[in-house]
Amino acid sequence: MFTFLKAQTASLIASAIDFLVTIVAVELAGWWYMAATAMGTVTGGLTHFLLGRKWVFAAGAGKVPTQLLKYFIVWNGSFLLNTAGVYVLTQFAGLTYIISKVATAVAVGFFYNYTIQKSYVFK
């Protein structure tokens, strides 16, 4: 249970960075919300990998290239789910990009990221 709580904390930190980058890119830099979502997802993913490796799963003894490759494979699925979710909820459900991003991030985090990272990436 403690690992799960640390994983959720790491996800919140990574998500905060993801959201900050996304919102700054849209609101201050004038980027298209999908480009900003992609950039936010990349920075959040890098943050999450580092936190997962060193703190959540204490997998610092594992080989970085192997873990990074596994994480990258899983992260690509997360990236696709996050960007597709934001697009669908924004374009077809009429939600703002921020609400779409929150809803998508929560769903992907609980139902995809944690389970696969625990059982595959950092085991």
PDB file of N, CA and C in Angstrom:
ATOM      1  N   MET A   1       0.819  -1.195   0.000  1.00  0.00           N
ATOM      2  CA  MET A   1       0.000   0.000   0.000  1.00  0.00           C
ATOM      3  C   MET A   1       0.865   1.263   0.000  1.00  0.00           C
ATOM      4  N   PHE A   2       1.986   1.204   0.716  1.00  0.00           N
ATOM      5  CA  PHE A   2       2.862   2.365   0.773  1.00  0.00           C
ATOM      6  C   PHE A   2       3.432   2.684  -0.605  1.00  0.00           C
ATOM      7  N   THR A   3       3.777   1.660  -1.369  1.00  0.00           N
ATOM      8  CA  THR A   3       4.283   1.872  -2.733  1.00  0.00           C
ATOM      9  C   THR A   3       3.220   2.540  -3.590  1.00  0.00           C
ATOM     10  N   PHE A   4       1.981   2.110  -3.452  1.00  0.00           N
ATOM     11  CA  PHE A   4       0.891   2.714  -4.218  1.00  0.00           C
ATOM     12  C   PHE A   4       0.753   4.196  -3.872  1.00  0.00           C
ATOM     13  N   LEU A   5       0.831   4.545  -2.586  1.00  0.00           N
ATOM     14  CA  LEU A   5       0.724   5.946  -2.172  1.00  0.00           C
ATOM     15  C   LEU A   5       1.895   6.773  -2.708  1.00  0.00           C
ATOM     16  N   LYS A   6       3.097   6.205  -2.675  1.00  0.00           N
ATOM     17  CA  LYS A   6       4.248   6.914  -3.246  1.00  0.00           C
ATOM     18  C   LYS A   6       4.060   7.086  -4.747  1.00  0.00           C
ATOM     19  N   ALA A   7       3.529   6.066  -5.405  1.00  0.00           N
ATOM     20  CA  ALA A   7       3.300   6.157  -6.853  1.00  0.00           C
ATOM     21  C   ALA A   7       2.295   7.253  -7.172  1.00  0.00           C
ATOM     22  N   GLN A   8       1.250   7.375  -6.362  1.00  0.00           N
ATOM     23  CA  GLN A   8       0.251   8.419  -6.595  1.00  0.00           C
ATOM     24  C   GLN A   8       0.845   9.805  -6.337  1.00  0.00           C
ATOM     25  N   THR A   9       1.713   9.918  -5.333  1.00  0.00           N
ATOM     26  CA  THR A   9       2.390  11.185  -5.058  1.00  0.00           C
ATOM     27  C   THR A   9       3.301  11.567  -6.223  1.00  0.00           C
ATOM     28  N   ALA A  10       4.056  10.593  -6.722  1.00  0.00           N
ATOM     29  CA  ALA A  10       4.928  10.849  -7.877  1.00  0.00           C
ATOM     30  C   ALA A  10       4.101  11.256  -9.093  1.00  0.00           C
ATOM     31  N   SER A  11       2.962  10.620  -9.264  1.00  0.00           N
ATOM     32  CA  SER A  11       2.076  10.968 -10.377  1.00  0.00           C
ATOM     33  C   SER A  11       1.548  12.379 -10.234  1.00  0.00           C
ATOM     34  N   LEU A  12       1.204  12.773  -9.011  1.00  0.00           N
ATOM     35  CA  LEU A  12       0.726  14.145  -8.788  1.00  0.00           C
ATOM     36  C   LEU A  12       1.808  15.178  -9.107  1.00  0.00           C
ATOM     37  N   ILE A  13       3.031  14.896  -8.691  1.00  0.00           N
ATOM     38  CA  ILE A  13       4.144  15.813  -8.977  1.00  0.00           C
ATOM     39  C   ILE A  13       4.379  15.904 -10.481  1.00  0.00           C
ATOM     40  N   ALA A  14       4.444  14.741 -11.141  1.00  0.00           N
ATOM     41  CA  ALA A  14       4.659  14.722 -12.591  1.00  0.00           C
ATOM     42  C   ALA A  14       3.497  15.390 -13.315  1.00  0.00           C
ATOM     43  N   SER A  15       2.289  15.158 -12.831  1.00  0.00           N
ATOM     44  CA  SER A  15       1.112  15.778 -13.454  1.00  0.00           C
ATOM     45  C   SER A  15       1.127  17.290 -13.271  1.00  0.00           C
ATOM     46  N   ALA A  16       1.575  17.758 -12.105  1.00  0.00           N
ATOM     47  CA  ALA A  16       1.660  19.204 -11.876  1.00  0.00           C
ATOM     48  C   ALA A  16       2.620  19.847 -12.875  1.00  0.00           C
ATOM     49  N   ILE A  17       3.740  19.185 -13.117  1.00  0.00           N
ATOM     50  CA  ILE A  17       4.699  19.709 -14.100  1.00  0.00           C
ATOM     51  C   ILE A  17       4.095  19.647 -15.498  1.00  0.00           C
ATOM     52  N   ASP A  18       3.462  18.528 -15.820  1.00  0.00           N
ATOM     53  CA  ASP A  18       2.783  18.354 -17.108  1.00  0.00           C
ATOM     54  C   ASP A  18       1.764  19.477 -17.335  1.00  0.00           C
ATOM     55  N   PHE A  19       0.904  19.702 -16.342  1.00  0.00           N
ATOM     56  CA  PHE A  19      -0.146  20.712 -16.468  1.00  0.00           C
ATOM     57  C   PHE A  19       0.436  22.114 -16.545  1.00  0.00           C
ATOM     58  N   LEU A  20       1.461  22.390 -15.753  1.00  0.00           N
ATOM     59  CA  LEU A  20       2.098  23.709 -15.778  1.00  0.00           C
ATOM     60  C   LEU A  20       2.657  24.007 -17.160  1.00  0.00           C
ATOM     61  N   VAL A  21       3.386  23.051 -17.713  1.00  0.00           N
ATOM     62  CA  VAL A  21       3.951  23.235 -19.058  1.00  0.00           C
ATOM     63  C   VAL A  21       2.831  23.422 -20.081  1.00  0.00           C
ATOM     64  N   THR A  22       1.792  22.604 -20.004  1.00  0.00           N
ATOM     65  CA  THR A  22       0.677  22.698 -20.950  1.00  0.00           C
ATOM     66  C   THR A  22      -0.009  24.058 -20.876  1.00  0.00           C
ATOM     67  N   ILE A  23      -0.364  24.479 -19.688  1.00  0.00           N
ATOM     68  CA  ILE A  23      -1.098  25.733 -19.523  1.00  0.00           C
ATOM     69  C   ILE A  23      -0.251  26.933 -19.902  1.00  0.00           C
ATOM     70  N   VAL A  24       1.018  26.943 -19.498  1.00  0.00           N
ATOM     71  CA  VAL A  24       1.909  28.046 -19.872  1.00  0.00           C
ATOM     72  C   VAL A  24       2.062  28.101 -21.395  1.00  0.00           C
ATOM     73  N   ALA A  25       2.226  26.944 -22.022  1.00  0.00           N
ATOM     74  CA  ALA A  25       2.391  26.920 -23.482  1.00  0.00           C
ATOM     75  C   ALA A  25       1.153  27.450 -24.196  1.00  0.00           C
ATOM     76  N   VAL A  26      -0.038  27.115 -23.709  1.00  0.00           N
ATOM     77  CA  VAL A  26      -1.270  27.587 -24.348  1.00  0.00           C
ATOM     78  C   VAL A  26      -1.541  29.042 -24.009  1.00  0.00           C
ATOM     79  N   GLU A  27      -1.576  29.335 -22.730  1.00  0.00           N
ATOM     80  CA  GLU A  27      -2.039  30.647 -22.274  1.00  0.00           C
ATOM     81  C   GLU A  27      -1.010  31.760 -22.440  1.00  0.00           C
ATOM     82  N   LEU A  28       0.259  31.470 -22.267  1.00  0.00           N
ATOM     83  CA  LEU A  28       1.281  32.509 -22.370  1.00  0.00           C
ATOM     84  C   LEU A  28       2.020  32.507 -23.703  1.00  0.00           C
ATOM     85  N   ALA A  29       2.249  31.306 -24.249  1.00  0.00           N
ATOM     86  CA  ALA A  29       3.006  31.224 -25.501  1.00  0.00           C
ATOM     87  C   ALA A  29       2.110  31.122 -26.727  1.00  0.00           C
ATOM     88  N   GLY A  30       0.801  30.880 -26.514  1.00  0.00           N
ATOM     89  CA  GLY A  30      -0.136  30.833 -27.629  1.00  0.00           C
ATOM     90  C   GLY A  30      -0.087  29.569 -28.465  1.00  0.00           C
ATOM     91  N   TRP A  31       0.433  28.480 -27.904  1.00  0.00           N
ATOM     92  CA  TRP A  31       0.496  27.217 -28.640  1.00  0.00           C
ATOM     93  C   TRP A  31      -0.897  26.633 -28.809  1.00  0.00           C
ATOM     94  N   TRP A  32      -1.069  25.786 -29.811  1.00  0.00           N
ATOM     95  CA  TRP A  32      -2.272  24.992 -29.998  1.00  0.00           C
ATOM     96  C   TRP A  32      -2.336  24.005 -28.835  1.00  0.00           C
ATOM     97  N   TYR A  33      -3.520  23.766 -28.301  1.00  0.00           N
ATOM     98  CA  TYR A  33      -3.644  22.945 -27.097  1.00  0.00           C
ATOM     99  C   TYR A  33      -3.099  21.531 -27.276  1.00  0.00           C
ATOM    100  N   MET A  34      -3.143  20.977 -28.475  1.00  0.00           N
ATOM    101  CA  MET A  34      -2.626  19.620 -28.682  1.00  0.00           C
ATOM    102  C   MET A  34      -1.097  19.593 -28.644  1.00  0.00           C
ATOM    103  N   ALA A  35      -0.439  20.596 -29.209  1.00  0.00           N
ATOM    104  CA  ALA A  35       1.024  20.674 -29.140  1.00  0.00           C
ATOM    105  C   ALA A  35       1.466  20.875 -27.693  1.00  0.00           C
ATOM    106  N   ALA A  36       0.738  21.713 -26.980  1.00  0.00           N
ATOM    107  CA  ALA A  36       1.049  21.946 -25.573  1.00  0.00           C
ATOM    108  C   ALA A  36       0.817  20.687 -24.737  1.00  0.00           C
ATOM    109  N   THR A  37      -0.240  19.945 -25.041  1.00  0.00           N
ATOM    110  CA  THR A  37      -0.515  18.684 -24.348  1.00  0.00           C
ATOM    111  C   THR A  37       0.631  17.702 -24.568  1.00  0.00           C
ATOM    112  N   ALA A  38       1.110  17.618 -25.791  1.00  0.00           N
ATOM    113  CA  ALA A  38       2.231  16.715 -26.093  1.00  0.00           C
ATOM    114  C   ALA A  38       3.481  17.120 -25.316  1.00  0.00           C
ATOM    115  N   MET A  39       3.803  18.404 -25.306  1.00  0.00           N
ATOM    116  CA  MET A  39       4.991  18.879 -24.588  1.00  0.00           C
ATOM    117  C   MET A  39       4.844  18.639 -23.085  1.00  0.00           C
ATOM    118  N   GLY A  40       3.669  18.902 -22.548  1.00  0.00           N
ATOM    119  CA  GLY A  40       3.443  18.647 -21.131  1.00  0.00           C
ATOM    120  C   GLY A  40       3.568  17.180 -20.786  1.00  0.00           C
ATOM    121  N   THR A  41       3.043  16.329 -21.648  1.00  0.00           N
ATOM    122  CA  THR A  41       3.117  14.889 -21.417  1.00  0.00           C
ATOM    123  C   THR A  41       4.563  14.399 -21.424  1.00  0.00           C
ATOM    124  N   VAL A  42       5.385  14.933 -22.302  1.00  0.00           N
ATOM    125  CA  VAL A  42       6.802  14.559 -22.360  1.00  0.00           C
ATOM    126  C   VAL A  42       7.526  14.970 -21.075  1.00  0.00           C
ATOM    127  N   THR A  43       7.347  16.221 -20.644  1.00  0.00           N
ATOM    128  CA  THR A  43       8.051  16.670 -19.434  1.00  0.00           C
ATOM    129  C   THR A  43       7.535  15.940 -18.191  1.00  0.00           C
ATOM    130  N   GLY A  44       6.236  15.704 -18.131  1.00  0.00           N
ATOM    131  CA  GLY A  44       5.682  14.933 -17.013  1.00  0.00           C
ATOM    132  C   GLY A  44       6.198  13.509 -17.013  1.00  0.00           C
ATOM    133  N   GLY A  45       6.327  12.902 -18.186  1.00  0.00           N
ATOM    134  CA  GLY A  45       6.833  11.541 -18.304  1.00  0.00           C
ATOM    135  C   GLY A  45       8.265  11.408 -17.825  1.00  0.00           C
ATOM    136  N   LEU A  46       9.103  12.349 -18.199  1.00  0.00           N
ATOM    137  CA  LEU A  46      10.494  12.318 -17.741  1.00  0.00           C
ATOM    138  C   LEU A  46      10.576  12.463 -16.222  1.00  0.00           C
ATOM    139  N   THR A  47       9.789  13.364 -15.688  1.00  0.00           N
ATOM    140  CA  THR A  47       9.746  13.549 -14.238  1.00  0.00           C
ATOM    141  C   THR A  47       9.284  12.271 -13.550  1.00  0.00           C
ATOM    142  N   HIS A  48       8.246  11.661 -14.095  1.00  0.00           N
ATOM    143  CA  HIS A  48       7.693  10.455 -13.491  1.00  0.00           C
ATOM    144  C   HIS A  48       8.675   9.286 -13.547  1.00  0.00           C
ATOM    145  N   PHE A  49       9.415   9.149 -14.631  1.00  0.00           N
ATOM    146  CA  PHE A  49      10.417   8.089 -14.722  1.00  0.00           C
ATOM    147  C   PHE A  49      11.454   8.234 -13.607  1.00  0.00           C
ATOM    148  N   LEU A  50      11.974   9.431 -13.446  1.00  0.00           N
ATOM    149  CA  LEU A  50      13.012   9.654 -12.437  1.00  0.00           C
ATOM    150  C   LEU A  50      12.484   9.400 -11.028  1.00  0.00           C
ATOM    151  N   LEU A  51      11.284   9.887 -10.732  1.00  0.00           N
ATOM    152  CA  LEU A  51      10.700   9.643  -9.411  1.00  0.00           C
ATOM    153  C   LEU A  51      10.390   8.154  -9.201  1.00  0.00           C
ATOM    154  N   GLY A  52       9.863   7.499 -10.225  1.00  0.00           N
ATOM    155  CA  GLY A  52       9.545   6.075 -10.113  1.00  0.00           C
ATOM    156  C   GLY A  52      10.775   5.230  -9.890  1.00  0.00           C
ATOM    157  N   ARG A  53      11.812   5.527 -10.603  1.00  0.00           N
ATOM    158  CA  ARG A  53      13.043   4.741 -10.524  1.00  0.00           C
ATOM    159  C   ARG A  53      13.719   4.882  -9.169  1.00  0.00           C
ATOM    160  N   LYS A  54      13.877   6.098  -8.715  1.00  0.00           N
ATOM    161  CA  LYS A  54      14.649   6.347  -7.495  1.00  0.00           C
ATOM    162  C   LYS A  54      13.830   6.253  -6.211  1.00  0.00           C
ATOM    163  N   TRP A  55      12.584   6.713  -6.247  1.00  0.00           N
ATOM    164  CA  TRP A  55      11.836   6.853  -4.998  1.00  0.00           C
ATOM    165  C   TRP A  55      10.695   5.846  -4.853  1.00  0.00           C
ATOM    166  N   VAL A  56       9.831   5.739  -5.827  1.00  0.00           N
ATOM    167  CA  VAL A  56       8.627   4.905  -5.686  1.00  0.00           C
ATOM    168  C   VAL A  56       8.979   3.430  -5.617  1.00  0.00           C
ATOM    169  N   PHE A  57       9.687   2.939  -6.619  1.00  0.00           N
ATOM    170  CA  PHE A  57       9.955   1.510  -6.711  1.00  0.00           C
ATOM    171  C   PHE A  57      11.369   1.145  -6.259  1.00  0.00           C
ATOM    172  N   ALA A  58      12.157   2.148  -5.826  1.00  0.00           N
ATOM    173  CA  ALA A  58      13.529   1.931  -5.354  1.00  0.00           C
ATOM    174  C   ALA A  58      14.285   0.993  -6.287  1.00  0.00           C
ATOM    175  N   ALA A  59      14.216   1.322  -7.573  1.00  0.00           N
ATOM    176  CA  ALA A  59      14.833   0.475  -8.594  1.00  0.00           C
ATOM    177  C   ALA A  59      16.118   1.091  -9.135  1.00  0.00           C
ATOM    178  N   GLY A  60      16.778   1.889  -8.301  1.00  0.00           N
ATOM    179  CA  GLY A  60      18.001   2.560  -8.729  1.00  0.00           C
ATOM    180  C   GLY A  60      19.142   1.625  -9.050  1.00  0.00           C
ATOM    181  N   ALA A  61      19.081   0.401  -8.537  1.00  0.00           N
ATOM    182  CA  ALA A  61      20.136  -0.563  -8.819  1.00  0.00           C
ATOM    183  C   ALA A  61      19.977  -1.188 -10.203  1.00  0.00           C
ATOM    184  N   GLY A  62      18.797  -1.079 -10.777  1.00  0.00           N
ATOM    185  CA  GLY A  62      18.559  -1.640 -12.108  1.00  0.00           C
ATOM    186  C   GLY A  62      19.290  -0.839 -13.172  1.00  0.00           C
ATOM    187  N   LYS A  63      19.486  -1.465 -14.300  1.00  0.00           N
ATOM    188  CA  LYS A  63      20.194  -0.800 -15.392  1.00  0.00           C
ATOM    189  C   LYS A  63      19.299   0.267 -16.017  1.00  0.00           C
ATOM    190  N   VAL A  64      19.825   1.480 -16.073  1.00  0.00           N
ATOM    191  CA  VAL A  64      19.053   2.610 -16.603  1.00  0.00           C
ATOM    192  C   VAL A  64      18.595   2.358 -18.034  1.00  0.00           C
ATOM    193  N   PRO A  65      19.464   1.900 -18.947  1.00  0.00           N
ATOM    194  CA  PRO A  65      18.984   1.706 -20.328  1.00  0.00           C
ATOM    195  C   PRO A  65      17.815   0.725 -20.432  1.00  0.00           C
ATOM    196  N   THR A  66      17.868  -0.359 -19.662  1.00  0.00           N
ATOM    197  CA  THR A  66      16.785  -1.349 -19.694  1.00  0.00           C
ATOM    198  C   THR A  66      15.497  -0.744 -19.153  1.00  0.00           C
ATOM    199  N   GLN A  67      15.593  -0.087 -17.996  1.00  0.00           N
ATOM    200  CA  GLN A  67      14.408   0.542 -17.412  1.00  0.00           C
ATOM    201  C   GLN A  67      13.868   1.642 -18.319  1.00  0.00           C
ATOM    202  N   LEU A  68      14.761   2.420 -18.887  1.00  0.00           N
ATOM    203  CA  LEU A  68      14.335   3.520 -19.753  1.00  0.00           C
ATOM    204  C   LEU A  68      13.629   2.992 -20.998  1.00  0.00           C
ATOM    205  N   LEU A  69      14.142   1.923 -21.570  1.00  0.00           N
ATOM    206  CA  LEU A  69      13.495   1.329 -22.741  1.00  0.00           C
ATOM    207  C   LEU A  69      12.103   0.812 -22.385  1.00  0.00           C
ATOM    208  N   LYS A  70      11.994   0.093 -21.278  1.00  0.00           N
ATOM    209  CA  LYS A  70      10.688  -0.411 -20.840  1.00  0.00           C
ATOM    210  C   LYS A  70       9.738   0.749 -20.555  1.00  0.00           C
ATOM    211  N   TYR A  71      10.247   1.754 -19.845  1.00  0.00           N
ATOM    212  CA  TYR A  71       9.419   2.915 -19.527  1.00  0.00           C
ATOM    213  C   TYR A  71       8.961   3.612 -20.804  1.00  0.00           C
ATOM    214  N   PHE A  72       9.861   3.744 -21.757  1.00  0.00           N
ATOM    215  CA  PHE A  72       9.539   4.410 -23.022  1.00  0.00           C
ATOM    216  C   PHE A  72       8.425   3.671 -23.764  1.00  0.00           C
ATOM    217  N   ILE A  73       8.487   2.354 -23.758  1.00  0.00           N
ATOM    218  CA  ILE A  73       7.439   1.554 -24.408  1.00  0.00           C
ATOM    219  C   ILE A  73       6.095   1.815 -23.733  1.00  0.00           C
ATOM    220  N   VAL A  74       6.074   1.751 -22.401  1.00  0.00           N
ATOM    221  CA  VAL A  74       4.845   1.993 -21.653  1.00  0.00           C
ATOM    222  C   VAL A  74       4.401   3.449 -21.814  1.00  0.00           C
ATOM    223  N   TRP A  75       5.366   4.357 -21.751  1.00  0.00           N
ATOM    224  CA  TRP A  75       5.064   5.783 -21.859  1.00  0.00           C
ATOM    225  C   TRP A  75       4.434   6.115 -23.207  1.00  0.00           C
ATOM    226  N   ASN A  76       4.850   5.451 -24.272  1.00  0.00           N
ATOM    227  CA  ASN A  76       4.235   5.698 -25.584  1.00  0.00           C
ATOM    228  C   ASN A  76       2.738   5.398 -25.553  1.00  0.00           C
ATOM    229  N   GLY A  77       2.368   4.317 -24.893  1.00  0.00           N
ATOM    230  CA  GLY A  77       0.950   4.020 -24.734  1.00  0.00           C
ATOM    231  C   GLY A  77       0.252   5.097 -23.929  1.00  0.00           C
ATOM    232  N   SER A  78       0.894   5.534 -22.855  1.00  0.00           N
ATOM    233  CA  SER A  78       0.341   6.602 -22.024  1.00  0.00           C
ATOM    234  C   SER A  78       0.212   7.896 -22.823  1.00  0.00           C
ATOM    235  N   PHE A  79       1.234   8.207 -23.593  1.00  0.00           N
ATOM    236  CA  PHE A  79       1.224   9.412 -24.439  1.00  0.00           C
ATOM    237  C   PHE A  79       0.044   9.371 -25.410  1.00  0.00           C
ATOM    238  N   LEU A  80      -0.124   8.250 -26.077  1.00  0.00           N
ATOM    239  CA  LEU A  80      -1.232   8.117 -27.032  1.00  0.00           C
ATOM    240  C   LEU A  80      -2.588   8.206 -26.337  1.00  0.00           C
ATOM    241  N   LEU A  81      -2.724   7.539 -25.209  1.00  0.00           N
ATOM    242  CA  LEU A  81      -3.984   7.596 -24.465  1.00  0.00           C
ATOM    243  C   LEU A  81      -4.285   9.012 -23.977  1.00  0.00           C
ATOM    244  N   ASN A  82      -3.269   9.700 -23.464  1.00  0.00           N
ATOM    245  CA  ASN A  82      -3.465  11.060 -22.961  1.00  0.00           C
ATOM    246  C   ASN A  82      -3.806  12.043 -24.070  1.00  0.00           C
ATOM    247  N   THR A  83      -3.051  12.022 -25.147  1.00  0.00           N
ATOM    248  CA  THR A  83      -3.325  12.992 -26.216  1.00  0.00           C
ATOM    249  C   THR A  83      -4.654  12.692 -26.911  1.00  0.00           C
ATOM    250  N   ALA A  84      -4.941  11.413 -27.131  1.00  0.00           N
ATOM    251  CA  ALA A  84      -6.223  11.048 -27.754  1.00  0.00           C
ATOM    252  C   ALA A  84      -7.388  11.407 -26.843  1.00  0.00           C
ATOM    253  N   GLY A  85      -7.235  11.151 -25.547  1.00  0.00           N
ATOM    254  CA  GLY A  85      -8.292  11.466 -24.597  1.00  0.00           C
ATOM    255  C   GLY A  85      -8.591  12.954 -24.543  1.00  0.00           C
ATOM    256  N   VAL A  86      -7.542  13.766 -24.519  1.00  0.00           N
ATOM    257  CA  VAL A  86      -7.732  15.217 -24.493  1.00  0.00           C
ATOM    258  C   VAL A  86      -8.414  15.674 -25.779  1.00  0.00           C
ATOM    259  N   TYR A  87      -7.979  15.152 -26.900  1.00  0.00           N
ATOM    260  CA  TYR A  87      -8.583  15.542 -28.176  1.00  0.00           C
ATOM    261  C   TYR A  87     -10.065  15.172 -28.236  1.00  0.00           C
ATOM    262  N   VAL A  88     -10.373  13.942 -27.899  1.00  0.00           N
ATOM    263  CA  VAL A  88     -11.763  13.472 -27.974  1.00  0.00           C
ATOM    264  C   VAL A  88     -12.662  14.260 -27.024  1.00  0.00           C
ATOM    265  N   LEU A  89     -12.217  14.426 -25.783  1.00  0.00           N
ATOM    266  CA  LEU A  89     -13.055  15.131 -24.811  1.00  0.00           C
ATOM    267  C   LEU A  89     -13.205  16.619 -25.146  1.00  0.00           C
ATOM    268  N   THR A  90     -12.169  17.199 -25.747  1.00  0.00           N
ATOM    269  CA  THR A  90     -12.242  18.622 -26.105  1.00  0.00           C
ATOM    270  C   THR A  90     -13.048  18.826 -27.383  1.00  0.00           C
ATOM    271  N   GLN A  91     -12.734  18.050 -28.409  1.00  0.00           N
ATOM    272  CA  GLN A  91     -13.384  18.238 -29.708  1.00  0.00           C
ATOM    273  C   GLN A  91     -14.817  17.716 -29.765  1.00  0.00           C
ATOM    274  N   PHE A  92     -15.062  16.581 -29.142  1.00  0.00           N
ATOM    275  CA  PHE A  92     -16.357  15.940 -29.304  1.00  0.00           C
ATOM    276  C   PHE A  92     -17.278  16.065 -28.085  1.00  0.00           C
ATOM    277  N   ALA A  93     -16.697  16.189 -26.903  1.00  0.00           N
ATOM    278  CA  ALA A  93     -17.532  16.338 -25.710  1.00  0.00           C
ATOM    279  C   ALA A  93     -17.701  17.807 -25.327  1.00  0.00           C
ATOM    280  N   GLY A  94     -16.926  18.692 -25.963  1.00  0.00           N
ATOM    281  CA  GLY A  94     -17.062  20.125 -25.730  1.00  0.00           C
ATOM    282  C   GLY A  94     -16.463  20.623 -24.426  1.00  0.00           C
ATOM    283  N   LEU A  95     -15.607  19.821 -23.783  1.00  0.00           N
ATOM    284  CA  LEU A  95     -14.965  20.259 -22.551  1.00  0.00           C
ATOM    285  C   LEU A  95     -13.794  21.187 -22.862  1.00  0.00           C
ATOM    286  N   THR A  96     -13.387  22.002 -21.906  1.00  0.00           N
ATOM    287  CA  THR A  96     -12.180  22.798 -22.093  1.00  0.00           C
ATOM    288  C   THR A  96     -10.981  21.860 -22.068  1.00  0.00           C
ATOM    289  N   TYR A  97      -9.876  22.285 -22.660  1.00  0.00           N
ATOM    290  CA  TYR A  97      -8.700  21.407 -22.716  1.00  0.00           C
ATOM    291  C   TYR A  97      -8.184  21.072 -21.320  1.00  0.00           C
ATOM    292  N   ILE A  98      -8.347  21.960 -20.360  1.00  0.00           N
ATOM    293  CA  ILE A  98      -7.859  21.691 -18.999  1.00  0.00           C
ATOM    294  C   ILE A  98      -8.696  20.597 -18.334  1.00  0.00           C
ATOM    295  N   ILE A  99     -10.008  20.685 -18.435  1.00  0.00           N
ATOM    296  CA  ILE A  99     -10.880  19.652 -17.862  1.00  0.00           C
ATOM    297  C   ILE A  99     -10.637  18.319 -18.572  1.00  0.00           C
ATOM    298  N   SER A 100     -10.478  18.365 -19.880  1.00  0.00           N
ATOM    299  CA  SER A 100     -10.188  17.142 -20.647  1.00  0.00           C
ATOM    300  C   SER A 100      -8.881  16.514 -20.182  1.00  0.00           C
ATOM    301  N   LYS A 101      -7.879  17.344 -19.939  1.00  0.00           N
ATOM    302  CA  LYS A 101      -6.573  16.849 -19.527  1.00  0.00           C
ATOM    303  C   LYS A 101      -6.646  16.229 -18.137  1.00  0.00           C
ATOM    304  N   VAL A 102      -7.374  16.845 -17.223  1.00  0.00           N
ATOM    305  CA  VAL A 102      -7.516  16.298 -15.874  1.00  0.00           C
ATOM    306  C   VAL A 102      -8.219  14.941 -15.920  1.00  0.00           C
ATOM    307  N   ALA A 103      -9.342  14.878 -16.601  1.00  0.00           N
ATOM    308  CA  ALA A 103     -10.104  13.627 -16.674  1.00  0.00           C
ATOM    309  C   ALA A 103      -9.288  12.509 -17.306  1.00  0.00           C
ATOM    310  N   THR A 104      -8.607  12.830 -18.377  1.00  0.00           N
ATOM    311  CA  THR A 104      -7.796  11.830 -19.066  1.00  0.00           C
ATOM    312  C   THR A 104      -6.625  11.381 -18.206  1.00  0.00           C
ATOM    313  N   ALA A 105      -5.932  12.317 -17.582  1.00  0.00           N
ATOM    314  CA  ALA A 105      -4.767  11.987 -16.761  1.00  0.00           C
ATOM    315  C   ALA A 105      -5.141  11.074 -15.593  1.00  0.00           C
ATOM    316  N   VAL A 106      -6.252  11.345 -14.960  1.00  0.00           N
ATOM    317  CA  VAL A 106      -6.687  10.502 -13.839  1.00  0.00           C
ATOM    318  C   VAL A 106      -6.987   9.079 -14.324  1.00  0.00           C
ATOM    319  N   ALA A 107      -7.715   8.974 -15.407  1.00  0.00           N
ATOM    320  CA  ALA A 107      -8.069   7.647 -15.935  1.00  0.00           C
ATOM    321  C   ALA A 107      -6.831   6.866 -16.363  1.00  0.00           C
ATOM    322  N   VAL A 108      -5.945   7.498 -17.099  1.00  0.00           N
ATOM    323  CA  VAL A 108      -4.734   6.812 -17.576  1.00  0.00           C
ATOM    324  C   VAL A 108      -3.829   6.455 -16.401  1.00  0.00           C
ATOM    325  N   GLY A 109      -3.707   7.353 -15.439  1.00  0.00           N
ATOM    326  CA  GLY A 109      -2.855   7.095 -14.278  1.00  0.00           C
ATOM    327  C   GLY A 109      -3.297   5.889 -13.470  1.00  0.00           C
ATOM    328  N   PHE A 110      -4.580   5.798 -13.199  1.00  0.00           N
ATOM    329  CA  PHE A 110      -5.094   4.698 -12.374  1.00  0.00           C
ATOM    330  C   PHE A 110      -5.178   3.383 -13.140  1.00  0.00           C
ATOM    331  N   PHE A 111      -5.634   3.426 -14.362  1.00  0.00           N
ATOM    332  CA  PHE A 111      -5.946   2.188 -15.073  1.00  0.00           C
ATOM    333  C   PHE A 111      -4.829   1.678 -15.988  1.00  0.00           C
ATOM    334  N   TYR A 112      -3.806   2.483 -16.203  1.00  0.00           N
ATOM    335  CA  TYR A 112      -2.763   2.060 -17.136  1.00  0.00           C
ATOM    336  C   TYR A 112      -1.375   2.180 -16.504  1.00  0.00           C
ATOM    337  N   ASN A 113      -0.970   3.386 -16.139  1.00  0.00           N
ATOM    338  CA  ASN A 113       0.420   3.635 -15.735  1.00  0.00           C
ATOM    339  C   ASN A 113       0.893   2.826 -14.535  1.00  0.00           C
ATOM    340  N   TYR A 114       0.199   2.927 -13.425  1.00  0.00           N
ATOM    341  CA  TYR A 114       0.673   2.292 -12.191  1.00  0.00           C
ATOM    342  C   TYR A 114       0.840   0.787 -12.363  1.00  0.00           C
ATOM    343  N   THR A 115      -0.156   0.152 -12.874  1.00  0.00           N
ATOM    344  CA  THR A 115      -0.146  -1.306 -12.996  1.00  0.00           C
ATOM    345  C   THR A 115       1.005  -1.793 -13.860  1.00  0.00           C
ATOM    346  N   ILE A 116       1.193  -1.169 -15.000  1.00  0.00           N
ATOM    347  CA  ILE A 116       2.229  -1.629 -15.923  1.00  0.00           C
ATOM    348  C   ILE A 116       3.622  -1.277 -15.406  1.00  0.00           C
ATOM    349  N   GLN A 117       3.772  -0.102 -14.807  1.00  0.00           N
ATOM    350  CA  GLN A 117       5.092   0.258 -14.289  1.00  0.00           C
ATOM    351  C   GLN A 117       5.512  -0.665 -13.150  1.00  0.00           C
ATOM    352  N   LYS A 118       4.578  -0.993 -12.286  1.00  0.00           N
ATOM    353  CA  LYS A 118       4.908  -1.868 -11.157  1.00  0.00           C
ATOM    354  C   LYS A 118       5.256  -3.275 -11.609  1.00  0.00           C
ATOM    355  N   SER A 119       4.483  -3.802 -12.556  1.00  0.00           N
ATOM    356  CA  SER A 119       4.671  -5.192 -12.951  1.00  0.00           C
ATOM    357  C   SER A 119       5.683  -5.396 -14.077  1.00  0.00           C
ATOM    358  N   TYR A 120       6.041  -4.330 -14.794  1.00  0.00           N
ATOM    359  CA  TYR A 120       6.912  -4.515 -15.957  1.00  0.00           C
ATOM    360  C   TYR A 120       8.169  -3.637 -15.909  1.00  0.00           C
ATOM    361  N   VAL A 121       8.014  -2.353 -15.704  1.00  0.00           N
ATOM    362  CA  VAL A 121       9.154  -1.443 -15.836  1.00  0.00           C
ATOM    363  C   VAL A 121      10.115  -1.535 -14.679  1.00  0.00           C
ATOM    364  N   PHE A 122       9.619  -1.435 -13.458  1.00  0.00           N
ATOM    365  CA  PHE A 122      10.487  -1.345 -12.287  1.00  0.00           C
ATOM    366  C   PHE A 122      10.444  -2.579 -11.397  1.00  0.00           C
ATOM    367  N   LYS A 123      10.093  -3.731 -11.945  1.00  0.00           N
ATOM    368  CA  LYS A 123      10.001  -4.936 -11.104  1.00  0.00           C
ATOM    369  C   LYS A 123      11.361  -5.500 -10.803  1.00  0.00           C
TER     370      LYS A 123
END
